Structures are given as C-alpha cells and as structure tokens.
C-alpha atoms as a PDB file:
ATOM      1  CA  MET A   1      75.628 127.838 141.084  1.00  0.00           C
ATOM      2  CA  ILE A   2      72.312 130.019 141.303  1.00  0.00           C
ATOM      3  CA  LYS A   3      69.717 129.956 143.559  1.00  0.00           C
ATOM      4  CA  PRO A   4      66.830 128.896 141.974  1.00  0.00           C
ATOM      5  CA  PHE A   5      63.631 131.727 141.211  1.00  0.00           C
ATOM      6  CA  ALA A   6      65.982 134.537 143.090  1.00  0.00           C
ATOM      7  CA  ASP A   7      66.208 137.110 140.265  1.00  0.00           C
ATOM      8  CA  ASP A   8      65.929 137.478 136.348  1.00  0.00           C
ATOM      9  CA  GLU A   9      69.697 137.704 135.809  1.00  0.00           C
ATOM     10  CA  ALA A  10      71.365 134.917 136.759  1.00  0.00           C
ATOM     11  CA  ALA A  11      73.046 132.202 134.713  1.00  0.00           C
ATOM     12  CA  THR A  12      75.269 129.700 135.013  1.00  0.00           C
ATOM     13  CA  SER A  13      76.494 126.364 132.757  1.00  0.00           C
ATOM     14  CA  ILE A  14      77.365 122.536 133.196  1.00  0.00           C
ATOM     15  CA  GLY A  15      79.117 121.610 130.470  1.00  0.00           C
ATOM     16  CA  ASP A  16      77.171 122.883 127.463  1.00  0.00           C
ATOM     17  CA  LEU A  17      74.077 122.595 129.740  1.00  0.00           C
ATOM     18  CA  ALA A  18      72.964 126.237 129.892  1.00  0.00           C
ATOM     19  CA  ILE A  19      70.825 127.575 133.344  1.00  0.00           C
ATOM     20  CA  GLU A  20      69.219 131.130 133.161  1.00  0.00           C
ATOM     21  CA  ASN A  21      67.471 131.917 136.209  1.00  0.00           C
ATOM     22  CA  GLY A  22      64.115 133.576 136.049  1.00  0.00           C
ATOM     23  CA  THR A  23      61.737 134.744 139.239  1.00  0.00           C
ATOM     24  CA  SER A  24      58.964 132.407 137.628  1.00  0.00           C
ATOM     25  CA  ARG A  25      60.865 129.799 135.876  1.00  0.00           C
ATOM     26  CA  VAL A  26      64.295 128.536 135.311  1.00  0.00           C
ATOM     27  CA  ALA A  27      65.369 127.677 132.066  1.00  0.00           C
ATOM     28  CA  ILE A  28      67.740 124.670 131.112  1.00  0.00           C
ATOM     29  CA  SER A  29      68.763 124.220 128.027  1.00  0.00           C
ATOM     30  CA  GLY A  30      71.659 122.227 125.935  1.00  0.00           C
ATOM     31  CA  SER A  31      73.293 118.966 126.566  1.00  0.00           C
ATOM     32  CA  VAL A  32      75.737 117.497 129.272  1.00  0.00           C
ATOM     33  CA  GLU A  33      78.149 114.770 128.974  1.00  0.00           C
ATOM     34  CA  ILE A  34      78.953 112.611 132.323  1.00  0.00           C
ATOM     35  CA  THR A  35      81.983 110.687 131.089  1.00  0.00           C
ATOM     36  CA  ARG A  36      83.359 108.054 133.280  1.00  0.00           C
ATOM     37  CA  ASP A  37      85.783 109.799 134.893  1.00  0.00           C
ATOM     38  CA  GLN A  38      86.853 113.250 137.332  1.00  0.00           C
ATOM     39  CA  ALA A  39      85.266 115.674 134.998  1.00  0.00           C
ATOM     40  CA  GLY A  40      81.762 113.620 134.650  1.00  0.00           C
ATOM     41  CA  LEU A  41      81.826 113.272 138.346  1.00  0.00           C
ATOM     42  CA  GLU A  42      82.127 116.938 138.888  1.00  0.00           C
ATOM     43  CA  ARG A  43      79.270 117.430 136.347  1.00  0.00           C
ATOM     44  CA  ALA A  44      77.100 115.062 137.660  1.00  0.00           C
ATOM     45  CA  ARG A  45      77.312 116.646 141.229  1.00  0.00           C
ATOM     46  CA  ALA A  46      76.855 120.237 139.461  1.00  0.00           C
ATOM     47  CA  LEU A  47      73.488 119.042 137.911  1.00  0.00           C
ATOM     48  CA  LYS A  48      72.629 117.124 141.011  1.00  0.00           C
ATOM     49  CA  GLN A  49      72.585 119.923 143.292  1.00  0.00           C
ATOM     50  CA  LEU A  50      71.234 122.075 140.686  1.00  0.00           C
ATOM     51  CA  ALA A  51      68.280 119.642 141.023  1.00  0.00           C
ATOM     52  CA  ASP A  52      68.278 119.692 144.691  1.00  0.00           C
ATOM     53  CA  ASP A  53      68.267 123.327 145.004  1.00  0.00           C
ATOM     54  CA  LEU A  54      64.908 123.016 142.424  1.00  0.00           C
ATOM     55  CA  VAL A  55      63.025 121.186 144.360  1.00  0.00           C
ATOM     56  CA  ALA A  56      64.042 122.489 147.523  1.00  0.00           C
ATOM     57  CA  GLU A  57      62.567 126.022 146.779  1.00  0.00           C
ATOM     58  CA  LEU A  58      59.760 124.715 144.902  1.00  0.00           C
ATOM     59  CA  GLU A  59      58.930 122.422 148.247  1.00  0.00           C
ATOM     60  CA  ALA A  60      59.494 124.901 150.581  1.00  0.00           C
ATOM     61  CA  GLY A  61      55.655 126.003 149.460  1.00  0.00           C
ATOM     62  CA  HIS A  62      56.399 129.331 147.600  1.00  0.00           C
ATOM     63  CA  ALA A  63      55.168 128.762 144.747  1.00  0.00           C
ATOM     64  CA  PRO A  64      51.475 129.157 142.934  1.00  0.00           C
ATOM     65  CA  GLN A  65      49.476 126.718 141.572  1.00  0.00           C
ATOM     66  CA  GLN A  66      50.293 127.169 137.866  1.00  0.00           C
ATOM     67  CA  VAL A  67      52.330 130.406 136.370  1.00  0.00           C
ATOM     68  CA  ALA A  68      51.226 131.925 133.567  1.00  0.00           C
ATOM     69  CA  ALA A  69      52.330 130.473 130.060  1.00  0.00           C
ATOM     70  CA  THR A  70      54.257 133.208 128.987  1.00  0.00           C
ATOM     71  CA  GLN A  71      55.370 136.258 130.924  1.00  0.00           C
ATOM     72  CA  THR A  72      56.690 138.956 128.485  1.00  0.00           C
ATOM     73  CA  ALA A  73      58.457 142.012 129.394  1.00  0.00           C
ATOM     74  CA  SER A  74      56.773 145.149 128.348  1.00  0.00           C
ATOM     75  CA  VAL A  75      58.269 147.446 125.644  1.00  0.00           C
ATOM     76  CA  ASP A  76      57.827 150.663 124.972  1.00  0.00           C
ATOM     77  CA  GLN A  77      58.123 152.028 121.387  1.00  0.00           C
ATOM     78  CA  VAL A  78      59.460 154.777 120.028  1.00  0.00           C
ATOM     79  CA  ALA A  79      59.518 156.794 116.742  1.00  0.00           C
ATOM     80  CA  ASN A  80      62.426 155.464 114.249  1.00  0.00           C
ATOM     81  CA  PRO A  81      64.592 158.749 114.122  1.00  0.00           C
ATOM     82  CA  PHE A  82      65.729 157.635 110.655  1.00  0.00           C
ATOM     83  CA  ALA A  83      62.709 158.064 109.265  1.00  0.00           C
END
C-alpha cells in the first residue's frame, strides 16, 4: 500500500480501482467489487486501510486549509527538429 502524500510517483490498485499518489492530492479512479467471499474481504480490508491511512495523514495536521485547484508541471518548449 502507498503512504499517502509521500511522493508524486507511487501508485497501487484495489481490484479495478486505481490509486495514484501525489504530494498535494491522491487520485482515486475506477471501481472495485466487494464480493461476499474471501477475495471481497481482502479488497474491503485494503480499501479500509487506504481510507484509514488517508485520514490519519490529514489529521496529523500537516495539511493546508486548501490546495490550489490545479497544479501542473512546468513544460519547456523546444524547437521542432523536423521542421
């Protein structure tokens, strides 16, 4: 499992649910089926652990009041070598 907000590189999945780590936000997309069997129990526990880790990190007091709506990486323009 990832450590929430620790870096901009880590990623994991729970079923078809994709979790991408970031220093200012954690992106969660997709879906996960919690079936009534041992596999479903494992997915439910993983989902709970992720939620618990997110809440613990946010409650630790390191979070600003609000992050910027979008934070994009800088992009350098270079001349087209084929032009």
